[in-house]
Amino acid sequence: MADFKLEPIPLETIFTGQVFDSNGLPAKGARVGGVVCSNSLEPVVIVTNPEGRFLFKMLFRATVRSSSCYLDMWQRFRDFSIEEGQTFSLNFNLMKAAHKIHGTITNSQVNL
């Protein structure tokens, strides 16, 4: 006799898009991150490919706070939710940053 339990297979949840610089060109090497998933409080950062594209694959529902940066350009945070099994696409059009940050980190516990 076997004792087993059937559970549904989680559906793949995808967050994808493309990052463009302030000239409208694909931003290779841009950082897209700050993704907070429902099963983790750790942010995730990914770097865009040569076409400026990024792809996050998850196996659960996700609440996302995302931003993108590239060289001296910045995109504000965007908040949204993705249900399990959905694909969500978002493009970032970066703008020149108004300010630069200068300084030295003296404590590894500082949260930036």
PDB file of N, CA and C in Angstrom:
ATOM      1  N   MET A   1       0.840  -1.170   0.000  1.00  0.00           N
ATOM      2  CA  MET A   1       0.000   0.000   0.000  1.00  0.00           C
ATOM      3  C   MET A   1       0.888   1.238   0.000  1.00  0.00           C
ATOM      4  N   ALA A   2       0.529   2.224  -0.793  1.00  0.00           N
ATOM      5  CA  ALA A   2       1.298   3.465  -0.901  1.00  0.00           C
ATOM      6  C   ALA A   2       0.524   4.606  -0.255  1.00  0.00           C
ATOM      7  N   ASP A   3       1.252   5.469   0.399  1.00  0.00           N
ATOM      8  CA  ASP A   3       0.657   6.657   1.005  1.00  0.00           C
ATOM      9  C   ASP A   3       1.222   7.865   0.262  1.00  0.00           C
ATOM     10  N   PHE A   4       0.384   8.552  -0.492  1.00  0.00           N
ATOM     11  CA  PHE A   4       0.869   9.698  -1.253  1.00  0.00           C
ATOM     12  C   PHE A   4      -0.187  10.796  -1.260  1.00  0.00           C
ATOM     13  N   LYS A   5       0.256  11.969  -1.675  1.00  0.00           N
ATOM     14  CA  LYS A   5      -0.605  13.153  -1.704  1.00  0.00           C
ATOM     15  C   LYS A   5      -0.355  13.887  -3.017  1.00  0.00           C
ATOM     16  N   LEU A   6      -1.410  14.257  -3.702  1.00  0.00           N
ATOM     17  CA  LEU A   6      -1.289  15.022  -4.940  1.00  0.00           C
ATOM     18  C   LEU A   6      -1.336  16.514  -4.617  1.00  0.00           C
ATOM     19  N   GLU A   7      -0.366  17.248  -5.128  1.00  0.00           N
ATOM     20  CA  GLU A   7      -0.348  18.697  -4.963  1.00  0.00           C
ATOM     21  C   GLU A   7      -0.235  19.318  -6.346  1.00  0.00           C
ATOM     22  N   PRO A   8      -0.862  20.473  -6.545  1.00  0.00           N
ATOM     23  CA  PRO A   8      -0.753  21.119  -7.856  1.00  0.00           C
ATOM     24  C   PRO A   8       0.688  21.577  -8.107  1.00  0.00           C
ATOM     25  N   ILE A   9       1.107  21.480  -9.356  1.00  0.00           N
ATOM     26  CA  ILE A   9       2.437  21.957  -9.741  1.00  0.00           C
ATOM     27  C   ILE A   9       2.353  23.482  -9.837  1.00  0.00           C
ATOM     28  N   PRO A  10       3.280  24.197  -9.176  1.00  0.00           N
ATOM     29  CA  PRO A  10       3.231  25.661  -9.256  1.00  0.00           C
ATOM     30  C   PRO A  10       3.408  26.132 -10.697  1.00  0.00           C
ATOM     31  N   LEU A  11       2.691  27.182 -11.047  1.00  0.00           N
ATOM     32  CA  LEU A  11       2.796  27.756 -12.379  1.00  0.00           C
ATOM     33  C   LEU A  11       3.923  28.774 -12.407  1.00  0.00           C
ATOM     34  N   GLU A  12       4.630  28.843 -13.515  1.00  0.00           N
ATOM     35  CA  GLU A  12       5.742  29.780 -13.636  1.00  0.00           C
ATOM     36  C   GLU A  12       5.211  31.206 -13.748  1.00  0.00           C
ATOM     37  N   THR A  13       5.748  32.098 -12.953  1.00  0.00           N
ATOM     38  CA  THR A  13       5.396  33.510 -12.953  1.00  0.00           C
ATOM     39  C   THR A  13       6.588  34.267 -13.524  1.00  0.00           C
ATOM     40  N   ILE A  14       6.343  35.144 -14.489  1.00  0.00           N
ATOM     41  CA  ILE A  14       7.440  35.804 -15.200  1.00  0.00           C
ATOM     42  C   ILE A  14       7.284  37.315 -15.148  1.00  0.00           C
ATOM     43  N   PHE A  15       8.407  38.005 -14.857  1.00  0.00           N
ATOM     44  CA  PHE A  15       8.505  39.467 -14.940  1.00  0.00           C
ATOM     45  C   PHE A  15       9.603  39.746 -15.962  1.00  0.00           C
ATOM     46  N   THR A  16       9.248  40.426 -17.032  1.00  0.00           N
ATOM     47  CA  THR A  16      10.179  40.653 -18.131  1.00  0.00           C
ATOM     48  C   THR A  16      10.052  42.087 -18.644  1.00  0.00           C
ATOM     49  N   GLY A  17      10.980  42.490 -19.446  1.00  0.00           N
ATOM     50  CA  GLY A  17      10.921  43.821 -20.046  1.00  0.00           C
ATOM     51  C   GLY A  17      12.234  44.214 -20.681  1.00  0.00           C
ATOM     52  N   GLN A  18      12.333  45.503 -20.985  1.00  0.00           N
ATOM     53  CA  GLN A  18      13.513  46.029 -21.634  1.00  0.00           C
ATOM     54  C   GLN A  18      13.829  47.393 -21.032  1.00  0.00           C
ATOM     55  N   VAL A  19      15.131  47.720 -20.954  1.00  0.00           N
ATOM     56  CA  VAL A  19      15.586  49.002 -20.419  1.00  0.00           C
ATOM     57  C   VAL A  19      16.210  49.805 -21.551  1.00  0.00           C
ATOM     58  N   PHE A  20      15.819  51.086 -21.646  1.00  0.00           N
ATOM     59  CA  PHE A  20      16.347  51.990 -22.661  1.00  0.00           C
ATOM     60  C   PHE A  20      17.044  53.158 -21.980  1.00  0.00           C
ATOM     61  N   ASP A  21      18.161  53.615 -22.564  1.00  0.00           N
ATOM     62  CA  ASP A  21      18.860  54.763 -21.984  1.00  0.00           C
ATOM     63  C   ASP A  21      18.143  56.056 -22.355  1.00  0.00           C
ATOM     64  N   SER A  22      18.696  57.195 -21.950  1.00  0.00           N
ATOM     65  CA  SER A  22      18.026  58.480 -22.181  1.00  0.00           C
ATOM     66  C   SER A  22      17.986  58.866 -23.655  1.00  0.00           C
ATOM     67  N   ASN A  23      18.738  58.148 -24.511  1.00  0.00           N
ATOM     68  CA  ASN A  23      18.691  58.383 -25.956  1.00  0.00           C
ATOM     69  C   ASN A  23      17.745  57.410 -26.662  1.00  0.00           C
ATOM     70  N   GLY A  24      17.068  56.556 -25.892  1.00  0.00           N
ATOM     71  CA  GLY A  24      16.144  55.591 -26.463  1.00  0.00           C
ATOM     72  C   GLY A  24      16.802  54.327 -26.975  1.00  0.00           C
ATOM     73  N   LEU A  25      18.088  54.129 -26.655  1.00  0.00           N
ATOM     74  CA  LEU A  25      18.804  52.934 -27.089  1.00  0.00           C
ATOM     75  C   LEU A  25      18.770  51.866 -25.997  1.00  0.00           C
ATOM     76  N   PRO A  26      18.819  50.574 -26.372  1.00  0.00           N
ATOM     77  CA  PRO A  26      18.833  49.520 -25.356  1.00  0.00           C
ATOM     78  C   PRO A  26      20.024  49.695 -24.411  1.00  0.00           C
ATOM     79  N   ALA A  27      19.774  49.553 -23.121  1.00  0.00           N
ATOM     80  CA  ALA A  27      20.798  49.753 -22.095  1.00  0.00           C
ATOM     81  C   ALA A  27      21.401  48.413 -21.695  1.00  0.00           C
ATOM     82  N   LYS A  28      22.444  47.993 -22.380  1.00  0.00           N
ATOM     83  CA  LYS A  28      23.164  46.752 -22.047  1.00  0.00           C
ATOM     84  C   LYS A  28      23.852  46.935 -20.699  1.00  0.00           C
ATOM     85  N   GLY A  29      23.662  45.978 -19.803  1.00  0.00           N
ATOM     86  CA  GLY A  29      24.321  46.034 -18.504  1.00  0.00           C
ATOM     87  C   GLY A  29      23.605  46.877 -17.469  1.00  0.00           C
ATOM     88  N   ALA A  30      22.380  47.305 -17.755  1.00  0.00           N
ATOM     89  CA  ALA A  30      21.597  48.042 -16.755  1.00  0.00           C
ATOM     90  C   ALA A  30      21.203  47.086 -15.643  1.00  0.00           C
ATOM     91  N   ARG A  31      21.073  47.611 -14.447  1.00  0.00           N
ATOM     92  CA  ARG A  31      20.676  46.791 -13.303  1.00  0.00           C
ATOM     93  C   ARG A  31      19.182  46.998 -13.052  1.00  0.00           C
ATOM     94  N   VAL A  32      18.444  45.894 -13.043  1.00  0.00           N
ATOM     95  CA  VAL A  32      17.023  45.913 -12.706  1.00  0.00           C
ATOM     96  C   VAL A  32      16.911  45.144 -11.409  1.00  0.00           C
ATOM     97  N   GLY A  33      16.300  45.740 -10.417  1.00  0.00           N
ATOM     98  CA  GLY A  33      16.281  45.040  -9.148  1.00  0.00           C
ATOM     99  C   GLY A  33      15.302  45.585  -8.158  1.00  0.00           C
ATOM    100  N   GLY A  34      15.506  45.126  -6.930  1.00  0.00           N
ATOM    101  CA  GLY A  34      14.608  45.490  -5.860  1.00  0.00           C
ATOM    102  C   GLY A  34      13.350  44.647  -5.869  1.00  0.00           C
ATOM    103  N   VAL A  35      13.378  43.527  -6.563  1.00  0.00           N
ATOM    104  CA  VAL A  35      12.199  42.674  -6.641  1.00  0.00           C
ATOM    105  C   VAL A  35      12.023  41.966  -5.303  1.00  0.00           C
ATOM    106  N   VAL A  36      10.894  42.167  -4.676  1.00  0.00           N
ATOM    107  CA  VAL A  36      10.591  41.507  -3.408  1.00  0.00           C
ATOM    108  C   VAL A  36       9.507  40.481  -3.674  1.00  0.00           C
ATOM    109  N   CYS A  37       9.819  39.227  -3.481  1.00  0.00           N
ATOM    110  CA  CYS A  37       8.890  38.141  -3.774  1.00  0.00           C
ATOM    111  C   CYS A  37       8.166  37.719  -2.506  1.00  0.00           C
ATOM    112  N   SER A  38       7.003  37.145  -2.678  1.00  0.00           N
ATOM    113  CA  SER A  38       6.162  36.790  -1.546  1.00  0.00           C
ATOM    114  C   SER A  38       6.782  35.736  -0.634  1.00  0.00           C
ATOM    115  N   ASN A  39       7.750  34.974  -1.114  1.00  0.00           N
ATOM    116  CA  ASN A  39       8.352  33.965  -0.249  1.00  0.00           C
ATOM    117  C   ASN A  39       9.748  34.363   0.235  1.00  0.00           C
ATOM    118  N   SER A  40      10.165  35.608  -0.009  1.00  0.00           N
ATOM    119  CA  SER A  40      11.486  36.048   0.403  1.00  0.00           C
ATOM    120  C   SER A  40      11.506  37.558   0.549  1.00  0.00           C
ATOM    121  N   LEU A  41      12.259  38.046   1.508  1.00  0.00           N
ATOM    122  CA  LEU A  41      12.427  39.487   1.670  1.00  0.00           C
ATOM    123  C   LEU A  41      13.715  39.971   1.015  1.00  0.00           C
ATOM    124  N   GLU A  42      14.476  39.057   0.441  1.00  0.00           N
ATOM    125  CA  GLU A  42      15.742  39.415  -0.189  1.00  0.00           C
ATOM    126  C   GLU A  42      15.491  40.035  -1.561  1.00  0.00           C
ATOM    127  N   PRO A  43      16.061  41.214  -1.807  1.00  0.00           N
ATOM    128  CA  PRO A  43      15.924  41.799  -3.150  1.00  0.00           C
ATOM    129  C   PRO A  43      16.744  41.002  -4.164  1.00  0.00           C
ATOM    130  N   VAL A  44      16.297  41.025  -5.377  1.00  0.00           N
ATOM    131  CA  VAL A  44      16.975  40.338  -6.463  1.00  0.00           C
ATOM    132  C   VAL A  44      17.408  41.391  -7.473  1.00  0.00           C
ATOM    133  N   VAL A  45      18.630  41.288  -7.955  1.00  0.00           N
ATOM    134  CA  VAL A  45      19.128  42.212  -8.969  1.00  0.00           C
ATOM    135  C   VAL A  45      19.598  41.397 -10.159  1.00  0.00           C
ATOM    136  N   ILE A  46      19.225  41.847 -11.349  1.00  0.00           N
ATOM    137  CA  ILE A  46      19.637  41.166 -12.570  1.00  0.00           C
ATOM    138  C   ILE A  46      20.195  42.229 -13.521  1.00  0.00           C
ATOM    139  N   VAL A  47      21.115  41.829 -14.376  1.00  0.00           N
ATOM    140  CA  VAL A  47      21.726  42.741 -15.341  1.00  0.00           C
ATOM    141  C   VAL A  47      21.139  42.444 -16.716  1.00  0.00           C
ATOM    142  N   THR A  48      20.831  43.508 -17.467  1.00  0.00           N
ATOM    143  CA  THR A  48      20.225  43.327 -18.785  1.00  0.00           C
ATOM    144  C   THR A  48      21.233  42.768 -19.791  1.00  0.00           C
ATOM    145  N   ASN A  49      20.697  42.074 -20.793  1.00  0.00           N
ATOM    146  CA  ASN A  49      21.515  41.483 -21.848  1.00  0.00           C
ATOM    147  C   ASN A  49      21.901  42.572 -22.873  1.00  0.00           C
ATOM    148  N   PRO A  50      22.605  42.227 -23.962  1.00  0.00           N
ATOM    149  CA  PRO A  50      23.021  43.238 -24.944  1.00  0.00           C
ATOM    150  C   PRO A  50      21.868  44.018 -25.593  1.00  0.00           C
ATOM    151  N   GLU A  51      20.672  43.455 -25.582  1.00  0.00           N
ATOM    152  CA  GLU A  51      19.504  44.166 -26.141  1.00  0.00           C
ATOM    153  C   GLU A  51      18.751  44.952 -25.066  1.00  0.00           C
ATOM    154  N   GLY A  52      19.294  44.991 -23.841  1.00  0.00           N
ATOM    155  CA  GLY A  52      18.649  45.711 -22.750  1.00  0.00           C
ATOM    156  C   GLY A  52      17.494  44.949 -22.125  1.00  0.00           C
ATOM    157  N   ARG A  53      17.365  43.671 -22.419  1.00  0.00           N
ATOM    158  CA  ARG A  53      16.247  42.870 -21.918  1.00  0.00           C
ATOM    159  C   ARG A  53      16.596  42.173 -20.605  1.00  0.00           C
ATOM    160  N   PHE A  54      15.555  41.951 -19.792  1.00  0.00           N
ATOM    161  CA  PHE A  54      15.719  41.220 -18.537  1.00  0.00           C
ATOM    162  C   PHE A  54      14.572  40.246 -18.374  1.00  0.00           C
ATOM    163  N   LEU A  55      14.784  39.228 -17.528  1.00  0.00           N
ATOM    164  CA  LEU A  55      13.771  38.205 -17.306  1.00  0.00           C
ATOM    165  C   LEU A  55      13.949  37.619 -15.910  1.00  0.00           C
ATOM    166  N   PHE A  56      12.890  37.706 -15.104  1.00  0.00           N
ATOM    167  CA  PHE A  56      12.834  37.046 -13.798  1.00  0.00           C
ATOM    168  C   PHE A  56      11.823  35.921 -13.922  1.00  0.00           C
ATOM    169  N   LYS A  57      12.185  34.713 -13.492  1.00  0.00           N
ATOM    170  CA  LYS A  57      11.244  33.595 -13.458  1.00  0.00           C
ATOM    171  C   LYS A  57      11.047  33.191 -12.011  1.00  0.00           C
ATOM    172  N   MET A  58       9.787  33.066 -11.616  1.00  0.00           N
ATOM    173  CA  MET A  58       9.451  32.709 -10.244  1.00  0.00           C
ATOM    174  C   MET A  58       8.390  31.616 -10.285  1.00  0.00           C
ATOM    175  N   LEU A  59       8.220  30.890  -9.203  1.00  0.00           N
ATOM    176  CA  LEU A  59       7.202  29.846  -9.153  1.00  0.00           C
ATOM    177  C   LEU A  59       6.190  30.148  -8.053  1.00  0.00           C
ATOM    178  N   PHE A  60       5.754  31.395  -7.976  1.00  0.00           N
ATOM    179  CA  PHE A  60       4.811  31.797  -6.938  1.00  0.00           C
ATOM    180  C   PHE A  60       4.279  33.177  -7.273  1.00  0.00           C
ATOM    181  N   ARG A  61       3.278  33.577  -6.553  1.00  0.00           N
ATOM    182  CA  ARG A  61       2.741  34.932  -6.662  1.00  0.00           C
ATOM    183  C   ARG A  61       3.802  35.889  -6.130  1.00  0.00           C
ATOM    184  N   ALA A  62       3.918  37.081  -6.731  1.00  0.00           N
ATOM    185  CA  ALA A  62       4.964  38.007  -6.306  1.00  0.00           C
ATOM    186  C   ALA A  62       4.422  39.423  -6.150  1.00  0.00           C
ATOM    187  N   THR A  63       4.880  40.083  -5.116  1.00  0.00           N
ATOM    188  CA  THR A  63       4.674  41.518  -4.968  1.00  0.00           C
ATOM    189  C   THR A  63       6.014  42.142  -5.309  1.00  0.00           C
ATOM    190  N   VAL A  64       6.010  43.064  -6.244  1.00  0.00           N
ATOM    191  CA  VAL A  64       7.263  43.559  -6.797  1.00  0.00           C
ATOM    192  C   VAL A  64       7.411  45.060  -6.576  1.00  0.00           C
ATOM    193  N   ARG A  65       8.572  45.462  -6.098  1.00  0.00           N
ATOM    194  CA  ARG A  65       8.989  46.861  -6.094  1.00  0.00           C
ATOM    195  C   ARG A  65      10.250  46.870  -6.924  1.00  0.00           C
ATOM    196  N   SER A  66      10.188  47.450  -8.093  1.00  0.00           N
ATOM    197  CA  SER A  66      11.290  47.335  -9.028  1.00  0.00           C
ATOM    198  C   SER A  66      11.803  48.705  -9.440  1.00  0.00           C
ATOM    199  N   SER A  67      13.083  48.771  -9.740  1.00  0.00           N
ATOM    200  CA  SER A  67      13.697  49.978 -10.274  1.00  0.00           C
ATOM    201  C   SER A  67      14.814  49.557 -11.214  1.00  0.00           C
ATOM    202  N   SER A  68      15.324  50.509 -11.984  1.00  0.00           N
ATOM    203  CA  SER A  68      16.412  50.231 -12.885  1.00  0.00           C
ATOM    204  C   SER A  68      17.387  51.392 -12.871  1.00  0.00           C
ATOM    205  N   CYS A  69      18.671  51.091 -12.993  1.00  0.00           N
ATOM    206  CA  CYS A  69      19.669  52.148 -13.105  1.00  0.00           C
ATOM    207  C   CYS A  69      20.749  51.728 -14.083  1.00  0.00           C
ATOM    208  N   TYR A  70      21.387  52.717 -14.685  1.00  0.00           N
ATOM    209  CA  TYR A  70      22.415  52.472 -15.695  1.00  0.00           C
ATOM    210  C   TYR A  70      23.306  53.695 -15.763  1.00  0.00           C
ATOM    211  N   LEU A  71      24.587  53.512 -15.473  1.00  0.00           N
ATOM    212  CA  LEU A  71      25.547  54.611 -15.480  1.00  0.00           C
ATOM    213  C   LEU A  71      25.004  55.776 -14.670  1.00  0.00           C
ATOM    214  N   ASP A  72      24.818  56.947 -15.289  1.00  0.00           N
ATOM    215  CA  ASP A  72      24.315  58.101 -14.544  1.00  0.00           C
ATOM    216  C   ASP A  72      22.835  58.360 -14.828  1.00  0.00           C
ATOM    217  N   MET A  73      22.098  57.292 -15.143  1.00  0.00           N
ATOM    218  CA  MET A  73      20.658  57.411 -15.393  1.00  0.00           C
ATOM    219  C   MET A  73      19.902  56.609 -14.338  1.00  0.00           C
ATOM    220  N   TRP A  74      18.657  56.958 -14.112  1.00  0.00           N
ATOM    221  CA  TRP A  74      17.885  56.333 -13.042  1.00  0.00           C
ATOM    222  C   TRP A  74      16.413  56.292 -13.413  1.00  0.00           C
ATOM    223  N   GLN A  75      15.715  55.270 -12.997  1.00  0.00           N
ATOM    224  CA  GLN A  75      14.259  55.159 -13.150  1.00  0.00           C
ATOM    225  C   GLN A  75      13.657  55.003 -11.771  1.00  0.00           C
ATOM    226  N   ARG A  76      12.575  55.684 -11.520  1.00  0.00           N
ATOM    227  CA  ARG A  76      11.920  55.588 -10.220  1.00  0.00           C
ATOM    228  C   ARG A  76      11.355  54.195  -9.975  1.00  0.00           C
ATOM    229  N   PHE A  77      11.048  53.931  -8.710  1.00  0.00           N
ATOM    230  CA  PHE A  77      10.459  52.650  -8.328  1.00  0.00           C
ATOM    231  C   PHE A  77       9.072  52.483  -8.929  1.00  0.00           C
ATOM    232  N   ARG A  78       8.745  51.252  -9.220  1.00  0.00           N
ATOM    233  CA  ARG A  78       7.392  50.887  -9.657  1.00  0.00           C
ATOM    234  C   ARG A  78       6.938  49.731  -8.786  1.00  0.00           C
ATOM    235  N   ASP A  79       5.715  49.808  -8.268  1.00  0.00           N
ATOM    236  CA  ASP A  79       5.148  48.746  -7.427  1.00  0.00           C
ATOM    237  C   ASP A  79       4.012  48.064  -8.175  1.00  0.00           C
ATOM    238  N   PHE A  80       3.973  46.743  -8.116  1.00  0.00           N
ATOM    239  CA  PHE A  80       2.888  45.984  -8.741  1.00  0.00           C
ATOM    240  C   PHE A  80       2.892  44.564  -8.206  1.00  0.00           C
ATOM    241  N   SER A  81       1.839  43.830  -8.492  1.00  0.00           N
ATOM    242  CA  SER A  81       1.729  42.427  -8.085  1.00  0.00           C
ATOM    243  C   SER A  81       1.563  41.561  -9.321  1.00  0.00           C
ATOM    244  N   ILE A  82       2.102  40.359  -9.244  1.00  0.00           N
ATOM    245  CA  ILE A  82       1.950  39.379 -10.320  1.00  0.00           C
ATOM    246  C   ILE A  82       1.351  38.123  -9.700  1.00  0.00           C
ATOM    247  N   GLU A  83       0.264  37.664 -10.245  1.00  0.00           N
ATOM    248  CA  GLU A  83      -0.356  36.437  -9.765  1.00  0.00           C
ATOM    249  C   GLU A  83       0.389  35.236 -10.314  1.00  0.00           C
ATOM    250  N   GLU A  84       0.335  34.139  -9.601  1.00  0.00           N
ATOM    251  CA  GLU A  84       0.982  32.902 -10.041  1.00  0.00           C
ATOM    252  C   GLU A  84       0.519  32.550 -11.449  1.00  0.00           C
ATOM    253  N   GLY A  85       1.470  32.219 -12.304  1.00  0.00           N
ATOM    254  CA  GLY A  85       1.161  31.821 -13.668  1.00  0.00           C
ATOM    255  C   GLY A  85       1.064  32.961 -14.661  1.00  0.00           C
ATOM    256  N   GLN A  86       1.144  34.217 -14.192  1.00  0.00           N
ATOM    257  CA  GLN A  86       1.056  35.362 -15.101  1.00  0.00           C
ATOM    258  C   GLN A  86       2.419  35.745 -15.642  1.00  0.00           C
ATOM    259  N   THR A  87       2.411  36.440 -16.765  1.00  0.00           N
ATOM    260  CA  THR A  87       3.602  37.097 -17.301  1.00  0.00           C
ATOM    261  C   THR A  87       3.329  38.588 -17.278  1.00  0.00           C
ATOM    262  N   PHE A  88       4.235  39.345 -16.676  1.00  0.00           N
ATOM    263  CA  PHE A  88       4.095  40.795 -16.577  1.00  0.00           C
ATOM    264  C   PHE A  88       5.280  41.416 -17.290  1.00  0.00           C
ATOM    265  N   SER A  89       5.007  42.346 -18.202  1.00  0.00           N
ATOM    266  CA  SER A  89       6.063  42.997 -18.960  1.00  0.00           C
ATOM    267  C   SER A  89       6.088  44.483 -18.640  1.00  0.00           C
ATOM    268  N   LEU A  90       7.291  45.011 -18.434  1.00  0.00           N
ATOM    269  CA  LEU A  90       7.443  46.425 -18.088  1.00  0.00           C
ATOM    270  C   LEU A  90       8.750  46.927 -18.691  1.00  0.00           C
ATOM    271  N   ASN A  91       8.678  48.013 -19.465  1.00  0.00           N
ATOM    272  CA  ASN A  91       9.880  48.627 -20.013  1.00  0.00           C
ATOM    273  C   ASN A  91      10.254  49.830 -19.164  1.00  0.00           C
ATOM    274  N   PHE A  92      11.551  50.076 -19.048  1.00  0.00           N
ATOM    275  CA  PHE A  92      12.067  51.229 -18.330  1.00  0.00           C
ATOM    276  C   PHE A  92      12.721  52.180 -19.320  1.00  0.00           C
ATOM    277  N   ASN A  93      12.290  53.431 -19.327  1.00  0.00           N
ATOM    278  CA  ASN A  93      12.908  54.476 -20.123  1.00  0.00           C
ATOM    279  C   ASN A  93      13.653  55.370 -19.147  1.00  0.00           C
ATOM    280  N   LEU A  94      14.975  55.256 -19.150  1.00  0.00           N
ATOM    281  CA  LEU A  94      15.783  55.943 -18.158  1.00  0.00           C
ATOM    282  C   LEU A  94      15.976  57.410 -18.506  1.00  0.00           C
ATOM    283  N   MET A  95      16.188  58.210 -17.486  1.00  0.00           N
ATOM    284  CA  MET A  95      16.454  59.634 -17.665  1.00  0.00           C
ATOM    285  C   MET A  95      17.752  59.966 -16.940  1.00  0.00           C
ATOM    286  N   LYS A  96      18.377  61.047 -17.348  1.00  0.00           N
ATOM    287  CA  LYS A  96      19.614  61.471 -16.695  1.00  0.00           C
ATOM    288  C   LYS A  96      19.318  61.806 -15.243  1.00  0.00           C
ATOM    289  N   ALA A  97      20.206  61.386 -14.368  1.00  0.00           N
ATOM    290  CA  ALA A  97      20.057  61.695 -12.946  1.00  0.00           C
ATOM    291  C   ALA A  97      20.356  63.171 -12.717  1.00  0.00           C
ATOM    292  N   ALA A  98      19.611  63.781 -11.795  1.00  0.00           N
ATOM    293  CA  ALA A  98      19.798  65.194 -11.487  1.00  0.00           C
ATOM    294  C   ALA A  98      20.968  65.416 -10.530  1.00  0.00           C
ATOM    295  N   HIS A  99      21.359  64.388  -9.780  1.00  0.00           N
ATOM    296  CA  HIS A  99      22.416  64.519  -8.788  1.00  0.00           C
ATOM    297  C   HIS A  99      23.330  63.297  -8.818  1.00  0.00           C
ATOM    298  N   LYS A 100      24.546  63.486  -8.369  1.00  0.00           N
ATOM    299  CA  LYS A 100      25.471  62.372  -8.200  1.00  0.00           C
ATOM    300  C   LYS A 100      25.759  62.225  -6.717  1.00  0.00           C
ATOM    301  N   ILE A 101      25.965  60.992  -6.272  1.00  0.00           N
ATOM    302  CA  ILE A 101      26.279  60.730  -4.875  1.00  0.00           C
ATOM    303  C   ILE A 101      27.776  60.491  -4.758  1.00  0.00           C
ATOM    304  N   HIS A 102      28.415  61.210  -3.829  1.00  0.00           N
ATOM    305  CA  HIS A 102      29.844  61.041  -3.570  1.00  0.00           C
ATOM    306  C   HIS A 102      30.019  60.673  -2.110  1.00  0.00           C
ATOM    307  N   GLY A 103      31.005  59.868  -1.800  1.00  0.00           N
ATOM    308  CA  GLY A 103      31.268  59.538  -0.414  1.00  0.00           C
ATOM    309  C   GLY A 103      32.003  58.227  -0.295  1.00  0.00           C
ATOM    310  N   THR A 104      32.241  57.848   0.936  1.00  0.00           N
ATOM    311  CA  THR A 104      32.934  56.614   1.252  1.00  0.00           C
ATOM    312  C   THR A 104      32.106  55.823   2.241  1.00  0.00           C
ATOM    313  N   ILE A 105      31.900  54.554   1.975  1.00  0.00           N
ATOM    314  CA  ILE A 105      31.180  53.693   2.907  1.00  0.00           C
ATOM    315  C   ILE A 105      32.178  53.230   3.958  1.00  0.00           C
ATOM    316  N   THR A 106      31.867  53.507   5.203  1.00  0.00           N
ATOM    317  CA  THR A 106      32.781  53.140   6.287  1.00  0.00           C
ATOM    318  C   THR A 106      32.235  52.014   7.150  1.00  0.00           C
ATOM    319  N   ASN A 107      30.983  51.593   6.916  1.00  0.00           N
ATOM    320  CA  ASN A 107      30.378  50.551   7.722  1.00  0.00           C
ATOM    321  C   ASN A 107      29.632  49.617   6.781  1.00  0.00           C
ATOM    322  N   SER A 108      29.962  48.356   6.791  1.00  0.00           N
ATOM    323  CA  SER A 108      29.319  47.412   5.872  1.00  0.00           C
ATOM    324  C   SER A 108      27.858  47.177   6.218  1.00  0.00           C
ATOM    325  N   GLN A 109      27.387  47.675   7.347  1.00  0.00           N
ATOM    326  CA  GLN A 109      25.986  47.486   7.754  1.00  0.00           C
ATOM    327  C   GLN A 109      25.080  48.596   7.222  1.00  0.00           C
ATOM    328  N   VAL A 110      25.611  49.549   6.482  1.00  0.00           N
ATOM    329  CA  VAL A 110      24.808  50.665   5.955  1.00  0.00           C
ATOM    330  C   VAL A 110      23.906  50.141   4.855  1.00  0.00           C
ATOM    331  N   ASN A 111      22.617  50.466   4.912  1.00  0.00           N
ATOM    332  CA  ASN A 111      21.663  50.082   3.866  1.00  0.00           C
ATOM    333  C   ASN A 111      21.498  51.240   2.912  1.00  0.00           C
ATOM    334  N   LEU A 112      21.823  51.041   1.644  1.00  0.00           N
ATOM    335  CA  LEU A 112      21.685  52.096   0.647  1.00  0.00           C
ATOM    336  C   LEU A 112      20.430  51.910  -0.154  1.00  0.00           C
TER     337      LEU A 112
END
